[in-house]
N, C-alpha and C. Protein backbone atom coordinates (compact mmCIF):
# COMPACT_ATOMS: atom_id res chain seq x y z
N MET A 1 1.06 -0.79 0.42
CA MET A 1 0.15 0.01 0.08
C MET A 1 0.62 1.21 -0.09
N THR A 2 0.61 2.61 -1.08
CA THR A 2 1.25 3.06 -0.89
C THR A 2 0.52 4.96 -0.51
N THR A 3 0.97 5.36 0.16
CA THR A 3 0.42 6.44 0.29
C THR A 3 0.58 8.00 -0.15
N SER A 4 -0.54 8.39 -0.69
CA SER A 4 -0.12 9.70 -1.69
C SER A 4 -0.03 10.94 -0.44
N THR A 5 1.06 12.03 -0.94
CA THR A 5 0.77 13.08 -0.60
C THR A 5 0.31 14.42 -0.74
N ALA A 6 -0.13 13.67 -2.53
CA ALA A 6 -1.08 14.78 -2.91
C ALA A 6 -2.39 15.22 -2.50
N PRO A 7 -2.42 16.82 -2.77
CA PRO A 7 -3.88 17.14 -1.88
C PRO A 7 -4.36 16.92 -2.79
N LYS A 8 -6.15 16.95 -1.78
CA LYS A 8 -7.28 16.23 -2.31
C LYS A 8 -7.49 17.18 -3.35
N GLU A 9 -8.62 16.61 -4.41
CA GLU A 9 -9.07 17.77 -5.25
C GLU A 9 -9.69 18.48 -5.10
N GLY A 10 -10.03 19.64 -5.06
CA GLY A 10 -10.64 20.46 -4.22
C GLY A 10 -10.26 21.23 -3.25
N ALA A 11 -9.05 21.13 -2.52
CA ALA A 11 -8.59 21.33 -1.38
C ALA A 11 -7.71 22.77 -1.63
N PRO A 12 -7.59 23.55 -0.54
CA PRO A 12 -6.92 24.82 -0.78
C PRO A 12 -5.25 24.48 -0.69
N PRO A 13 -4.50 25.05 -1.57
CA PRO A 13 -2.92 24.28 -1.72
C PRO A 13 -2.59 24.71 0.00
N SER A 14 -1.50 23.67 0.23
CA SER A 14 -1.28 24.04 2.26
C SER A 14 -0.13 25.09 1.44
N ARG A 15 0.04 25.95 2.92
CA ARG A 15 0.79 26.85 2.93
C ARG A 15 1.97 26.46 3.90
N ALA A 16 3.38 26.79 3.78
CA ALA A 16 4.19 26.87 4.90
C ALA A 16 4.34 28.23 5.75
N ALA A 17 4.60 27.30 7.28
CA ALA A 17 4.61 28.53 7.97
C ALA A 17 5.46 29.84 7.71
N PRO A 18 4.69 30.80 7.83
CA PRO A 18 5.72 32.18 6.82
C PRO A 18 7.02 32.26 8.05
N ALA A 19 8.32 32.73 7.31
CA ALA A 19 9.79 32.76 8.36
C ALA A 19 9.36 33.89 8.91
N MET A 20 10.33 33.45 10.32
CA MET A 20 10.20 34.14 11.53
C MET A 20 11.44 35.36 11.46
N ASN A 21 11.17 36.86 11.48
CA ASN A 21 12.02 37.89 11.34
C ASN A 21 12.86 37.88 12.46
N LYS A 22 13.98 38.36 12.66
CA LYS A 22 14.60 38.67 13.55
C LYS A 22 13.97 38.90 14.92
N ALA A 23 13.63 39.97 15.14
CA ALA A 23 12.71 39.90 16.13
C ALA A 23 12.01 38.67 16.81
N ASP A 24 11.07 38.30 15.92
CA ASP A 24 10.59 37.08 16.31
C ASP A 24 11.07 35.88 16.87
N GLN A 25 12.81 36.01 16.37
CA GLN A 25 13.30 34.55 16.59
C GLN A 25 14.31 35.07 17.66
N VAL A 26 14.59 36.35 18.17
CA VAL A 26 15.02 36.64 19.60
C VAL A 26 13.93 36.40 20.57
N LEU A 27 12.79 37.15 20.14
CA LEU A 27 11.86 37.22 21.26
C LEU A 27 11.85 35.16 21.63
N ALA A 28 11.76 34.30 20.67
CA ALA A 28 11.49 33.12 20.86
C ALA A 28 12.62 32.64 21.95
N ALA A 29 13.85 33.15 21.32
CA ALA A 29 15.09 32.21 21.93
C ALA A 29 14.83 32.68 23.56
N MET A 30 14.34 34.06 23.79
CA MET A 30 14.27 34.96 25.04
C MET A 30 13.06 33.63 25.98
N GLN A 31 12.12 33.49 25.08
CA GLN A 31 10.81 32.56 25.83
C GLN A 31 11.31 31.57 26.16
N ALA A 32 12.39 31.19 25.65
CA ALA A 32 12.84 29.36 25.86
C ALA A 32 13.61 29.77 26.69
N PHE A 33 14.38 30.73 27.08
CA PHE A 33 15.52 30.67 28.25
C PHE A 33 14.82 31.04 29.61
N MET A 34 13.75 31.95 29.13
CA MET A 34 13.12 32.22 30.62
C MET A 34 12.41 30.90 31.22
N ASP A 35 11.52 30.29 30.20
CA ASP A 35 11.00 29.06 30.33
C ASP A 35 11.92 27.59 30.61
N GLU A 36 13.34 27.70 30.46
CA GLU A 36 14.21 26.81 31.31
C GLU A 36 14.65 27.36 32.63
N VAL A 37 14.83 28.86 32.76
CA VAL A 37 14.99 29.18 33.73
C VAL A 37 14.42 29.03 35.04
N THR A 38 13.05 29.49 34.96
CA THR A 38 11.82 29.29 35.70
C THR A 38 11.46 27.87 35.69
N SER A 39 11.94 27.25 35.22
CA SER A 39 11.35 25.59 35.35
C SER A 39 11.67 24.83 36.98
N SER A 40 12.60 25.51 37.62
CA SER A 40 12.46 25.09 39.00
C SER A 40 13.05 25.78 39.59
N LYS A 41 12.69 25.84 41.23
CA LYS A 41 13.00 26.45 42.27
C LYS A 41 14.68 26.80 42.39
N GLU A 42 15.32 25.55 41.71
CA GLU A 42 16.77 25.40 42.16
C GLU A 42 17.46 26.43 40.81
N LYS A 43 16.85 26.06 39.86
CA LYS A 43 17.33 27.02 38.26
C LYS A 43 17.18 28.26 38.22
N ALA A 44 15.97 28.67 38.77
CA ALA A 44 15.88 30.22 39.34
C ALA A 44 17.22 30.81 40.31
N ARG A 45 16.80 30.38 41.37
CA ARG A 45 17.89 30.38 42.33
C ARG A 45 18.85 30.83 41.73
N ALA A 46 19.77 29.46 40.66
CA ALA A 46 20.47 29.35 40.43
C ALA A 46 21.34 30.48 39.25
N PHE A 47 20.37 30.80 38.68
CA PHE A 47 20.22 32.25 37.66
C PHE A 47 20.45 33.69 38.12
N LEU A 48 19.41 33.75 39.57
CA LEU A 48 19.87 35.01 40.40
C LEU A 48 21.15 35.11 40.83
N ILE A 49 21.74 33.86 41.05
CA ILE A 49 23.06 34.16 42.18
C ILE A 49 24.00 34.31 40.72
N GLU A 50 23.99 34.28 39.60
CA GLU A 50 24.91 33.91 38.66
C GLU A 50 24.83 35.61 38.02
N VAL A 51 23.38 35.91 38.07
CA VAL A 51 23.60 37.47 37.49
C VAL A 51 24.10 38.78 38.37
N GLY A 52 24.15 37.79 39.90
CA GLY A 52 24.29 38.57 40.91
C GLY A 52 23.46 39.41 41.95
N TYR A 53 22.04 39.10 41.83
CA TYR A 53 20.80 39.65 42.29
C TYR A 53 21.20 39.34 43.57
N LEU A 54 21.27 37.63 43.79
CA LEU A 54 21.30 37.15 45.19
C LEU A 54 22.72 36.73 45.27
N ASP A 55 23.27 36.73 46.62
CA ASP A 55 23.97 36.28 47.11
C ASP A 55 23.86 34.43 47.48
N GLU A 56 25.44 33.86 47.63
CA GLU A 56 25.40 32.43 47.84
C GLU A 56 24.05 31.91 48.84
N GLN A 57 24.03 33.08 50.15
CA GLN A 57 22.92 32.59 50.81
C GLN A 57 21.76 33.09 50.65
N GLY A 58 21.17 33.44 49.26
CA GLY A 58 20.04 33.81 49.21
C GLY A 58 19.72 35.03 49.56
N ASN A 59 20.34 35.86 49.91
CA ASN A 59 20.19 37.22 49.92
C ASN A 59 20.25 38.29 49.27
N VAL A 60 19.07 39.18 48.88
CA VAL A 60 19.61 39.92 48.05
C VAL A 60 20.86 40.97 48.34
N THR A 61 21.45 41.08 46.91
CA THR A 61 22.75 41.76 47.08
C THR A 61 22.54 43.64 47.49
N GLU A 62 23.83 44.25 47.78
CA GLU A 62 23.29 45.31 48.20
C GLU A 62 23.03 46.64 46.87
N PRO A 63 23.42 46.01 45.74
CA PRO A 63 22.66 47.16 44.71
C PRO A 63 21.30 46.94 44.84
N TYR A 64 20.59 45.80 44.68
CA TYR A 64 19.03 45.82 44.67
C TYR A 64 18.22 46.02 46.02
N ARG A 65 18.79 45.93 46.83
CA ARG A 65 18.25 46.43 48.34
C ARG A 65 17.77 48.01 47.87
N GLN A 66 16.58 47.93 48.98
CA GLN A 66 15.90 49.17 49.12
C GLN A 66 15.85 50.02 50.48
């Protein structure tokens, strides 16, 4: 048995998804990064320490205190 990938008669032609522009690509990458970083409490804490918002004990560092 063979399967045909030809569209059925009278069916509208299929369209490929439009190519993403640079801004959409950056936004998608940022969203994927945010999803990864916030996927667990441990990953979120490690990220906040890495960027300097928290110290190793989990306290807010001096530049970010009010």
